[in-house]
Structure formats: C-alpha cells, structure tokens
Amino acid sequence: MSLKVVIFVALLAATVNAKPYRGYVVPLFNGSTVAGHESNPGQYPWQVSLQWGYSSSGYTHFCSGAILSTQWIVTAGHCVLAVPAYGDFVVKTGKHNLRAVESNEQTIQVAKSIIHDNYIGDIAPYDIALLKLAKPLRLTSAVRTINLPQSLVVRNTIVTLTGWASTLKAITPVLSDRLQVAELPIVDYLTCKQTIDSITGSSPIDSRIICTGPLTDSLSACSSDSGSPLVANATSIPELVGIYAWGLIPCATVAAPSVYTNVYSFVNWINNIIATN
C-alpha cells in the first residue's frame, strides 16, 4: 500500500466516530498515548523508534518496537508494510525526545524485515514482524533487551504501554515529541470482542490478541503507538506481552478497548525466526 493511500485511509476513518483504525501513521507524524504522561529518560530502555527517510535529510518516526536481542526488534506487521521501497528504514534506540539528538541514541539500518506469513495486511490477526539490524546494538543503561512472556496475562493485570502518539482525545492528533507512558488494565478476550463488536459490528480479532481498557474511562493507545510494547512487570522483571495493533477513532473513545498482538502466542515463531536467520 502506498503512503498516499495510507494517509487517505487514515483521514477517511477519522471522519466517522468509533471506527477501527490501525493506529499507526506514516512519516510526517509522531506522537504519544492518550491520557498518559511523560516517562523519565531511559526508564523504558527496550523501546525503539522506527524511522524512515534519508541520511542526507533526516529520518521521521512512524512506529515503535521493542528490543529482543542486540540484533532483533519486534514490531507490528502493518508498520513494516508501510515502509516504502525507497529511502532508508532505520531503528533508533535510546530515544526519549524525538526532536533532539540525544547522547544515548543509536541509529542502525534494518537489514531484513520478516512479517508473519499469515498476516494479510490491514486490520487482521497475526500482525507481528521481526526486524534484523545491519549490525548489533551496544547494550547500555538506556538500551536493553526485554524478555518474552512466560505465560498469558490475565484479566485486570495492570500493564505498561509506552509510545509516541496523540496526547488528546481528538480526530486531529496533538502530538508529543517525548516518550509517553500509560498504565492500563488487561481486558479478557470475550469481553473485548463483544465490546468492539457492539460498537463497530463484526471485528477482525481472534484469540491471538489481547486487549486493554479501562472500559469505564477515556484512556487508550492512539496514532503512532503502532508497534509499541505493552509490558508486564515493567518495574521488576519486564516481559513483553503485547504489540499495539489497532484501536478506535477518535482516540480514547469511552468503553473502547485497544487491541494488541498477543506476544505469548508467537514465542515459538519468534524463536524459530531468530534461530534460522
């Protein structure tokens, strides 16, 4: 799908209340989580910014990801599909302020992108991809790996979402340059599906997703959070439990869950891809 088409789809979706959207935007946009707050620099060292552009003119953030190892990043499949065949696709680690050159940041080109074979694009299951970097990262206090999950997260578990996207509940995003964080409760699959179906009609979700609420308040992921890590035990032994996939427009629609790829469902796939590439 071309960048022009992606922009058109995003704008078209924004004209209708509470409709599904992938949650990512193409280069020209950046931002944070609705109703979240700014994180401390270096607080979430597994967070990465996916950027596209040219070394001569600079790069622009369009999605997020998480560091699995010194040479592998996990993100959403739809983020990879948005990358043009021209220009440079890079990962920036150690980032907090997207508009600043920071002492902790590292910029490395993506050497290989691997989208799950069963992902058909757009809003659909299996929305996950792995990125192999052209050279290894240097692990520091601001650049660290995150663990894969050992078990499923359960209902009402409080998890941590980080990302750069819109900070206000609005059709037109109001963007933040600094990494934002929100603490969100897990919503069980059946409640999530029934809630989204009641708003939008039949939804393209299956048991390989997880959802966050709260369903009684206006708090959600938003534009440019795509690929953002959803983490359990963020302050102790963090585990990557979700990758942000899609939500509803406008952001933070009351009683509308945010939808993530359930990383636990793809642990074997991740390990196999890394082992064979």
C-alpha atoms as a PDB file:
ATOM      1  CA  MET A   1       0.000   0.000   0.000  1.00  0.00           C
ATOM      2  CA  SER A   2       1.387   3.408  -0.944  1.00  0.00           C
ATOM      3  CA  LEU A   3       1.924   6.207   1.551  1.00  0.00           C
ATOM      4  CA  LYS A   4      -0.738   8.334  -0.194  1.00  0.00           C
ATOM      5  CA  VAL A   5      -3.299   5.548   0.163  1.00  0.00           C
ATOM      6  CA  VAL A   6      -2.399   5.027   3.833  1.00  0.00           C
ATOM      7  CA  ILE A   7      -2.866   8.728   4.552  1.00  0.00           C
ATOM      8  CA  PHE A   8      -6.203   8.716   2.732  1.00  0.00           C
ATOM      9  CA  VAL A   9      -7.454   5.678   4.675  1.00  0.00           C
ATOM     10  CA  ALA A  10      -6.428   7.276   7.983  1.00  0.00           C
ATOM     11  CA  LEU A  11      -8.186  10.537   7.147  1.00  0.00           C
ATOM     12  CA  LEU A  12     -11.304   8.748   5.909  1.00  0.00           C
ATOM     13  CA  ALA A  13     -11.510   6.683   9.098  1.00  0.00           C
ATOM     14  CA  ALA A  14     -11.157   9.848  11.178  1.00  0.00           C
ATOM     15  CA  THR A  15     -14.413  11.252   9.797  1.00  0.00           C
ATOM     16  CA  VAL A  16     -16.547   8.558  11.452  1.00  0.00           C
ATOM     17  CA  ASN A  17     -16.925   8.107  15.222  1.00  0.00           C
ATOM     18  CA  ALA A  18     -15.621   4.927  16.827  1.00  0.00           C
ATOM     19  CA  LYS A  19     -14.412   3.027  13.786  1.00  0.00           C
ATOM     20  CA  PRO A  20     -11.449   0.622  13.670  1.00  0.00           C
ATOM     21  CA  TYR A  21      -8.084   2.014  12.668  1.00  0.00           C
ATOM     22  CA  ARG A  22      -4.623   0.542  12.634  1.00  0.00           C
ATOM     23  CA  GLY A  23      -3.326   3.235  14.959  1.00  0.00           C
ATOM     24  CA  TYR A  24      -0.167   3.946  13.003  1.00  0.00           C
ATOM     25  CA  VAL A  25       0.608   6.883  10.803  1.00  0.00           C
ATOM     26  CA  VAL A  26       3.185   7.242   8.066  1.00  0.00           C
ATOM     27  CA  PRO A  27       6.208   9.570   8.058  1.00  0.00           C
ATOM     28  CA  LEU A  28       5.258  13.204   8.763  1.00  0.00           C
ATOM     29  CA  PHE A  29       3.597  12.330  12.055  1.00  0.00           C
ATOM     30  CA  ASN A  30       4.822  11.433  15.521  1.00  0.00           C
ATOM     31  CA  GLY A  31       3.298  11.499  18.980  1.00  0.00           C
ATOM     32  CA  SER A  32       2.159   9.684  22.499  1.00  0.00           C
ATOM     33  CA  THR A  33      -0.572   7.791  24.421  1.00  0.00           C
ATOM     34  CA  VAL A  34      -3.891   9.481  25.160  1.00  0.00           C
ATOM     35  CA  ALA A  35      -4.143  10.393  28.857  1.00  0.00           C
ATOM     36  CA  GLY A  36      -0.694   9.043  29.602  1.00  0.00           C
ATOM     37  CA  HIS A  37       2.215  11.048  30.967  1.00  0.00           C
ATOM     38  CA  GLU A  38       5.810  11.656  30.005  1.00  0.00           C
ATOM     39  CA  SER A  39       8.254   8.948  31.030  1.00  0.00           C
ATOM     40  CA  ASN A  40      11.662   9.572  32.519  1.00  0.00           C
ATOM     41  CA  PRO A  41      14.539   9.425  30.006  1.00  0.00           C
ATOM     42  CA  GLY A  42      15.948   5.891  29.914  1.00  0.00           C
ATOM     43  CA  GLN A  43      13.102   4.482  32.008  1.00  0.00           C
ATOM     44  CA  TYR A  44      11.997   2.023  29.289  1.00  0.00           C
ATOM     45  CA  PRO A  45      15.266   1.052  27.563  1.00  0.00           C
ATOM     46  CA  TRP A  46      13.669  -1.651  25.358  1.00  0.00           C
ATOM     47  CA  GLN A  47      11.610   0.969  23.492  1.00  0.00           C
ATOM     48  CA  VAL A  48      12.696   1.818  19.942  1.00  0.00           C
ATOM     49  CA  SER A  49      11.573   4.300  17.316  1.00  0.00           C
ATOM     50  CA  LEU A  50      11.144   3.024  13.756  1.00  0.00           C
ATOM     51  CA  GLN A  51      12.062   5.785  11.341  1.00  0.00           C
ATOM     52  CA  TRP A  52      12.186   6.297   7.596  1.00  0.00           C
ATOM     53  CA  GLY A  53      13.923   8.861   5.414  1.00  0.00           C
ATOM     54  CA  TYR A  54      17.356   9.666   4.033  1.00  0.00           C
ATOM     55  CA  SER A  55      20.653  10.170   5.823  1.00  0.00           C
ATOM     56  CA  SER A  56      21.099  13.440   3.924  1.00  0.00           C
ATOM     57  CA  SER A  57      17.792  14.959   5.032  1.00  0.00           C
ATOM     58  CA  GLY A  58      16.958  13.099   8.231  1.00  0.00           C
ATOM     59  CA  TYR A  59      14.505  10.476   9.421  1.00  0.00           C
ATOM     60  CA  THR A  60      10.918  10.617  10.711  1.00  0.00           C
ATOM     61  CA  HIS A  61       9.294   8.415  13.348  1.00  0.00           C
ATOM     62  CA  PHE A  62       6.297   6.382  12.208  1.00  0.00           C
ATOM     63  CA  CYS A  63       6.075   3.329  14.501  1.00  0.00           C
ATOM     64  CA  SER A  64       7.592   1.772  17.607  1.00  0.00           C
ATOM     65  CA  GLY A  65       9.113  -1.559  18.529  1.00  0.00           C
ATOM     66  CA  ALA A  66      10.945  -3.427  21.278  1.00  0.00           C
ATOM     67  CA  ILE A  67      14.474  -4.831  21.570  1.00  0.00           C
ATOM     68  CA  LEU A  68      14.595  -8.637  21.817  1.00  0.00           C
ATOM     69  CA  SER A  69      18.358  -9.000  21.341  1.00  0.00           C
ATOM     70  CA  THR A  70      21.289  -6.958  20.121  1.00  0.00           C
ATOM     71  CA  GLN A  71      20.252  -7.570  16.514  1.00  0.00           C
ATOM     72  CA  TRP A  72      16.490  -8.216  16.600  1.00  0.00           C
ATOM     73  CA  ILE A  73      13.500  -5.889  17.036  1.00  0.00           C
ATOM     74  CA  VAL A  74       9.836  -6.892  17.230  1.00  0.00           C
ATOM     75  CA  THR A  75       7.075  -4.638  15.919  1.00  0.00           C
ATOM     76  CA  ALA A  76       3.691  -4.758  14.169  1.00  0.00           C
ATOM     77  CA  GLY A  77       3.407  -6.252  10.703  1.00  0.00           C
ATOM     78  CA  HIS A  78       1.458  -3.271   9.380  1.00  0.00           C
ATOM     79  CA  CYS A  79       4.353  -0.996  10.334  1.00  0.00           C
ATOM     80  CA  VAL A  80       6.674  -2.916   8.023  1.00  0.00           C
ATOM     81  CA  LEU A  81       4.130  -2.877   5.194  1.00  0.00           C
ATOM     82  CA  ALA A  82       4.107   0.936   5.403  1.00  0.00           C
ATOM     83  CA  VAL A  83       7.821   1.254   4.631  1.00  0.00           C
ATOM     84  CA  PRO A  84       8.468   2.412   1.036  1.00  0.00           C
ATOM     85  CA  ALA A  85      10.820   0.536  -1.246  1.00  0.00           C
ATOM     86  CA  TYR A  86      12.964   3.671  -1.497  1.00  0.00           C
ATOM     87  CA  GLY A  87      14.793   5.607   1.231  1.00  0.00           C
ATOM     88  CA  ASP A  88      16.294   4.234   4.440  1.00  0.00           C
ATOM     89  CA  PHE A  89      14.496   2.184   7.082  1.00  0.00           C
ATOM     90  CA  VAL A  90      16.281   2.639  10.428  1.00  0.00           C
ATOM     91  CA  VAL A  91      15.796   1.852  14.086  1.00  0.00           C
ATOM     92  CA  LYS A  92      16.683   4.407  16.752  1.00  0.00           C
ATOM     93  CA  THR A  93      17.285   3.146  20.270  1.00  0.00           C
ATOM     94  CA  GLY A  94      17.929   5.051  23.488  1.00  0.00           C
ATOM     95  CA  LYS A  95      15.403   7.687  22.441  1.00  0.00           C
ATOM     96  CA  HIS A  96      13.254   9.916  24.615  1.00  0.00           C
ATOM     97  CA  ASN A  97      12.817  13.187  22.705  1.00  0.00           C
ATOM     98  CA  LEU A  98      12.274  12.538  19.007  1.00  0.00           C
ATOM     99  CA  ARG A  99      13.217  16.103  18.091  1.00  0.00           C
ATOM    100  CA  ALA A 100      16.582  16.054  19.853  1.00  0.00           C
ATOM    101  CA  VAL A 101      19.884  14.358  19.149  1.00  0.00           C
ATOM    102  CA  GLU A 102      20.477  12.513  22.400  1.00  0.00           C
ATOM    103  CA  SER A 103      23.705  11.164  23.863  1.00  0.00           C
ATOM    104  CA  ASN A 104      22.226   7.684  24.425  1.00  0.00           C
ATOM    105  CA  GLU A 105      20.742   7.166  20.984  1.00  0.00           C
ATOM    106  CA  GLN A 106      21.935   4.652  18.397  1.00  0.00           C
ATOM    107  CA  THR A 107      20.786   4.605  14.779  1.00  0.00           C
ATOM    108  CA  ILE A 108      21.090   1.345  12.829  1.00  0.00           C
ATOM    109  CA  GLN A 109      19.666   0.369   9.461  1.00  0.00           C
ATOM    110  CA  VAL A 110      17.249  -2.539   9.149  1.00  0.00           C
ATOM    111  CA  ALA A 111      18.878  -5.331   7.131  1.00  0.00           C
ATOM    112  CA  LYS A 112      15.888  -7.699   6.950  1.00  0.00           C
ATOM    113  CA  SER A 113      12.158  -7.455   7.701  1.00  0.00           C
ATOM    114  CA  ILE A 114      10.140 -10.614   8.336  1.00  0.00           C
ATOM    115  CA  ILE A 115       6.349 -10.353   8.590  1.00  0.00           C
ATOM    116  CA  HIS A 116       4.357 -13.338   9.821  1.00  0.00           C
ATOM    117  CA  ASP A 117       3.278 -15.438   6.827  1.00  0.00           C
ATOM    118  CA  ASN A 118      -0.359 -15.470   7.966  1.00  0.00           C
ATOM    119  CA  TYR A 119      -0.717 -11.702   8.223  1.00  0.00           C
ATOM    120  CA  ILE A 120      -2.849 -10.462   5.313  1.00  0.00           C
ATOM    121  CA  GLY A 121      -2.380  -6.766   5.994  1.00  0.00           C
ATOM    122  CA  ASP A 122      -4.672  -4.034   7.290  1.00  0.00           C
ATOM    123  CA  ILE A 123      -6.625  -4.830  10.493  1.00  0.00           C
ATOM    124  CA  ALA A 124      -6.165  -8.586  10.856  1.00  0.00           C
ATOM    125  CA  PRO A 125      -4.703 -11.287  13.127  1.00  0.00           C
ATOM    126  CA  TYR A 126      -1.004 -12.229  13.059  1.00  0.00           C
ATOM    127  CA  ASP A 127       0.015  -8.547  12.987  1.00  0.00           C
ATOM    128  CA  ILE A 128       3.624  -9.090  14.009  1.00  0.00           C
ATOM    129  CA  ALA A 129       7.036  -8.689  12.386  1.00  0.00           C
ATOM    130  CA  LEU A 130      10.709  -9.048  13.246  1.00  0.00           C
ATOM    131  CA  LEU A 131      13.489  -6.720  12.125  1.00  0.00           C
ATOM    132  CA  LYS A 132      17.100  -7.846  11.853  1.00  0.00           C
ATOM    133  CA  LEU A 133      19.541  -4.974  12.246  1.00  0.00           C
ATOM    134  CA  ALA A 134      22.517  -4.458   9.962  1.00  0.00           C
ATOM    135  CA  LYS A 135      24.841  -4.546  12.976  1.00  0.00           C
ATOM    136  CA  PRO A 136      24.446  -5.307  16.687  1.00  0.00           C
ATOM    137  CA  LEU A 137      23.336  -2.730  19.211  1.00  0.00           C
ATOM    138  CA  ARG A 138      25.586  -1.683  22.059  1.00  0.00           C
ATOM    139  CA  LEU A 139      23.699  -2.537  25.232  1.00  0.00           C
ATOM    140  CA  THR A 140      23.834   0.264  27.810  1.00  0.00           C
ATOM    141  CA  SER A 141      21.696   1.503  30.688  1.00  0.00           C
ATOM    142  CA  ALA A 142      19.498   3.245  28.076  1.00  0.00           C
ATOM    143  CA  VAL A 143      19.452   0.397  25.528  1.00  0.00           C
ATOM    144  CA  ARG A 144      18.405  -3.000  26.861  1.00  0.00           C
ATOM    145  CA  THR A 145      16.541  -6.102  25.766  1.00  0.00           C
ATOM    146  CA  ILE A 146      13.160  -7.206  27.072  1.00  0.00           C
ATOM    147  CA  ASN A 147      12.080 -10.739  27.964  1.00  0.00           C
ATOM    148  CA  LEU A 148       9.477 -12.715  26.058  1.00  0.00           C
ATOM    149  CA  PRO A 149       6.473 -13.703  28.203  1.00  0.00           C
ATOM    150  CA  GLN A 150       6.498 -16.936  30.176  1.00  0.00           C
ATOM    151  CA  SER A 151       2.699 -17.137  30.483  1.00  0.00           C
ATOM    152  CA  LEU A 152      -0.529 -15.433  29.453  1.00  0.00           C
ATOM    153  CA  VAL A 153      -1.501 -12.237  31.212  1.00  0.00           C
ATOM    154  CA  VAL A 154      -4.849 -12.417  32.957  1.00  0.00           C
ATOM    155  CA  ARG A 155      -7.797 -10.087  33.252  1.00  0.00           C
ATOM    156  CA  ASN A 156      -7.264  -6.895  35.282  1.00  0.00           C
ATOM    157  CA  THR A 157      -3.476  -7.262  35.296  1.00  0.00           C
ATOM    158  CA  ILE A 158      -2.031  -3.754  35.079  1.00  0.00           C
ATOM    159  CA  VAL A 159       0.393  -3.430  32.199  1.00  0.00           C
ATOM    160  CA  THR A 160       2.522  -0.584  30.842  1.00  0.00           C
ATOM    161  CA  LEU A 161       2.206   0.918  27.364  1.00  0.00           C
ATOM    162  CA  THR A 162       4.884   3.257  26.030  1.00  0.00           C
ATOM    163  CA  GLY A 163       4.989   5.140  22.762  1.00  0.00           C
ATOM    164  CA  TRP A 164       4.930   8.370  20.813  1.00  0.00           C
ATOM    165  CA  ALA A 165       1.448   9.340  19.522  1.00  0.00           C
ATOM    166  CA  SER A 166      -1.506  11.674  20.117  1.00  0.00           C
ATOM    167  CA  THR A 167      -1.919  13.094  23.620  1.00  0.00           C
ATOM    168  CA  LEU A 168      -5.527  14.312  23.290  1.00  0.00           C
ATOM    169  CA  LYS A 169      -8.843  12.626  22.551  1.00  0.00           C
ATOM    170  CA  ALA A 170      -9.442  14.155  19.156  1.00  0.00           C
ATOM    171  CA  ILE A 171      -9.758  13.254  15.494  1.00  0.00           C
ATOM    172  CA  THR A 172      -6.829  15.568  14.736  1.00  0.00           C
ATOM    173  CA  PRO A 173      -3.810  14.316  16.747  1.00  0.00           C
ATOM    174  CA  VAL A 174      -1.932  16.618  19.101  1.00  0.00           C
ATOM    175  CA  LEU A 175       1.480  15.063  19.141  1.00  0.00           C
ATOM    176  CA  SER A 176       4.208  14.708  21.754  1.00  0.00           C
ATOM    177  CA  ASP A 177       7.899  14.539  20.959  1.00  0.00           C
ATOM    178  CA  ARG A 178       8.706  12.799  24.244  1.00  0.00           C
ATOM    179  CA  LEU A 179       8.094   9.187  25.155  1.00  0.00           C
ATOM    180  CA  GLN A 180       4.780   8.755  26.960  1.00  0.00           C
ATOM    181  CA  VAL A 181       3.640   6.000  29.320  1.00  0.00           C
ATOM    182  CA  ALA A 182       0.247   4.748  30.495  1.00  0.00           C
ATOM    183  CA  GLU A 183      -0.752   2.060  32.986  1.00  0.00           C
ATOM    184  CA  LEU A 184      -3.668   0.029  31.616  1.00  0.00           C
ATOM    185  CA  PRO A 185      -5.720  -2.993  32.752  1.00  0.00           C
ATOM    186  CA  ILE A 186      -5.966  -6.167  30.653  1.00  0.00           C
ATOM    187  CA  VAL A 187      -9.495  -6.910  29.397  1.00  0.00           C
ATOM    188  CA  ASP A 188     -10.378 -10.567  28.782  1.00  0.00           C
ATOM    189  CA  TYR A 189     -10.781 -11.683  25.175  1.00  0.00           C
ATOM    190  CA  LEU A 190     -14.525 -12.363  25.222  1.00  0.00           C
ATOM    191  CA  THR A 191     -15.353  -9.002  26.812  1.00  0.00           C
ATOM    192  CA  CYS A 192     -13.043  -7.247  24.366  1.00  0.00           C
ATOM    193  CA  LYS A 193     -14.609  -8.871  21.304  1.00  0.00           C
ATOM    194  CA  GLN A 194     -18.175  -8.346  22.481  1.00  0.00           C
ATOM    195  CA  THR A 195     -17.454  -4.686  23.293  1.00  0.00           C
ATOM    196  CA  ILE A 196     -15.811  -3.909  19.953  1.00  0.00           C
ATOM    197  CA  ASP A 197     -18.472  -5.822  18.002  1.00  0.00           C
ATOM    198  CA  SER A 198     -21.183  -3.813  19.756  1.00  0.00           C
ATOM    199  CA  ILE A 199     -19.550  -0.599  18.539  1.00  0.00           C
ATOM    200  CA  THR A 200     -18.350  -1.493  15.053  1.00  0.00           C
ATOM    201  CA  GLY A 201     -20.135  -4.682  14.059  1.00  0.00           C
ATOM    202  CA  SER A 202     -18.133  -7.857  13.446  1.00  0.00           C
ATOM    203  CA  SER A 203     -14.451  -7.228  14.213  1.00  0.00           C
ATOM    204  CA  PRO A 204     -11.388  -8.983  12.768  1.00  0.00           C
ATOM    205  CA  ILE A 205      -9.972 -10.253  16.042  1.00  0.00           C
ATOM    206  CA  ASP A 206      -9.236 -13.736  17.302  1.00  0.00           C
ATOM    207  CA  SER A 207      -7.710 -15.368  20.357  1.00  0.00           C
ATOM    208  CA  ARG A 208      -4.176 -14.338  19.302  1.00  0.00           C
ATOM    209  CA  ILE A 209      -4.815 -10.808  20.538  1.00  0.00           C
ATOM    210  CA  ILE A 210      -5.038  -9.186  23.936  1.00  0.00           C
ATOM    211  CA  CYS A 211      -6.869  -6.003  24.846  1.00  0.00           C
ATOM    212  CA  THR A 212      -6.537  -3.196  27.349  1.00  0.00           C
ATOM    213  CA  GLY A 213      -9.138  -0.936  28.921  1.00  0.00           C
ATOM    214  CA  PRO A 214     -10.279   0.659  31.033  1.00  0.00           C
ATOM    215  CA  LEU A 215     -13.789   0.223  29.649  1.00  0.00           C
ATOM    216  CA  THR A 216     -15.206   2.823  32.026  1.00  0.00           C
ATOM    217  CA  ASP A 217     -12.822   5.674  31.189  1.00  0.00           C
ATOM    218  CA  SER A 218     -11.133   7.505  28.312  1.00  0.00           C
ATOM    219  CA  LEU A 219      -7.669   6.011  28.160  1.00  0.00           C
ATOM    220  CA  SER A 220      -6.159   4.259  25.177  1.00  0.00           C
ATOM    221  CA  ALA A 221      -3.379   3.898  22.685  1.00  0.00           C
ATOM    222  CA  CYS A 222      -3.515   6.277  19.726  1.00  0.00           C
ATOM    223  CA  SER A 223      -1.949   7.302  16.411  1.00  0.00           C
ATOM    224  CA  SER A 224       1.752   6.417  16.108  1.00  0.00           C
ATOM    225  CA  ASP A 225       1.572   3.957  19.012  1.00  0.00           C
ATOM    226  CA  SER A 226       1.604   1.154  16.441  1.00  0.00           C
ATOM    227  CA  GLY A 227       4.193  -1.484  17.235  1.00  0.00           C
ATOM    228  CA  SER A 228       4.539  -0.053  20.743  1.00  0.00           C
ATOM    229  CA  PRO A 229       5.406  -2.516  23.504  1.00  0.00           C
ATOM    230  CA  LEU A 230       2.854  -3.494  26.133  1.00  0.00           C
ATOM    231  CA  VAL A 231       4.823  -4.721  29.133  1.00  0.00           C
ATOM    232  CA  ALA A 232       4.029  -6.604  32.328  1.00  0.00           C
ATOM    233  CA  ASN A 233       6.213  -6.157  35.427  1.00  0.00           C
ATOM    234  CA  ALA A 234       7.817  -3.059  33.917  1.00  0.00           C
ATOM    235  CA  THR A 235       9.482  -2.088  37.196  1.00  0.00           C
ATOM    236  CA  SER A 236      10.840  -5.547  38.141  1.00  0.00           C
ATOM    237  CA  ILE A 237      11.433  -8.270  35.542  1.00  0.00           C
ATOM    238  CA  PRO A 238       9.710  -6.865  32.458  1.00  0.00           C
ATOM    239  CA  GLU A 239       8.027  -9.138  29.920  1.00  0.00           C
ATOM    240  CA  LEU A 240       6.726  -8.093  26.523  1.00  0.00           C
ATOM    241  CA  VAL A 241       3.084  -9.232  26.461  1.00  0.00           C
ATOM    242  CA  GLY A 242       1.647  -7.176  23.588  1.00  0.00           C
ATOM    243  CA  ILE A 243       2.409  -5.201  20.428  1.00  0.00           C
ATOM    244  CA  TYR A 244      -0.034  -2.425  19.692  1.00  0.00           C
ATOM    245  CA  ALA A 245      -2.068  -3.198  16.560  1.00  0.00           C
ATOM    246  CA  TRP A 246      -5.228  -1.092  16.345  1.00  0.00           C
ATOM    247  CA  GLY A 247      -7.968   0.772  18.163  1.00  0.00           C
ATOM    248  CA  LEU A 248     -10.907   3.056  17.537  1.00  0.00           C
ATOM    249  CA  ILE A 249     -11.166   6.613  16.271  1.00  0.00           C
ATOM    250  CA  PRO A 250     -11.458   9.026  17.976  1.00  0.00           C
ATOM    251  CA  CYS A 251      -8.704   8.009  20.388  1.00  0.00           C
ATOM    252  CA  ALA A 252      -9.839   7.271  23.954  1.00  0.00           C
ATOM    253  CA  THR A 253     -13.436   6.576  22.973  1.00  0.00           C
ATOM    254  CA  VAL A 254     -15.113   5.596  26.264  1.00  0.00           C
ATOM    255  CA  ALA A 255     -15.590   1.807  26.667  1.00  0.00           C
ATOM    256  CA  ALA A 256     -13.473   1.057  23.581  1.00  0.00           C
ATOM    257  CA  PRO A 257     -10.601  -1.410  24.141  1.00  0.00           C
ATOM    258  CA  SER A 258      -7.214  -1.103  22.463  1.00  0.00           C
ATOM    259  CA  VAL A 259      -6.081  -4.216  20.571  1.00  0.00           C
ATOM    260  CA  TYR A 260      -2.604  -5.771  20.646  1.00  0.00           C
ATOM    261  CA  THR A 261      -0.937  -8.807  19.130  1.00  0.00           C
ATOM    262  CA  ASN A 262      -0.542 -11.304  21.964  1.00  0.00           C
ATOM    263  CA  VAL A 263       3.205 -11.978  22.070  1.00  0.00           C
ATOM    264  CA  TYR A 264       2.776 -15.173  24.089  1.00  0.00           C
ATOM    265  CA  SER A 265       1.005 -16.726  21.087  1.00  0.00           C
ATOM    266  CA  PHE A 266       4.080 -16.079  18.931  1.00  0.00           C
ATOM    267  CA  VAL A 267       7.014 -17.013  21.182  1.00  0.00           C
ATOM    268  CA  ASN A 268       7.817 -20.146  19.171  1.00  0.00           C
ATOM    269  CA  TRP A 269       7.560 -18.238  15.882  1.00  0.00           C
ATOM    270  CA  ILE A 270       9.891 -15.513  17.189  1.00  0.00           C
ATOM    271  CA  ASN A 271      12.470 -18.020  18.448  1.00  0.00           C
ATOM    272  CA  ASN A 272      12.359 -20.007  15.181  1.00  0.00           C
ATOM    273  CA  ILE A 273      12.809 -16.922  13.000  1.00  0.00           C
ATOM    274  CA  ILE A 274      15.758 -15.684  15.042  1.00  0.00           C
ATOM    275  CA  ALA A 275      17.375 -19.134  15.105  1.00  0.00           C
ATOM    276  CA  THR A 276      17.137 -19.575  11.319  1.00  0.00           C
ATOM    277  CA  ASN A 277      18.081 -16.055  10.220  1.00  0.00           C
END
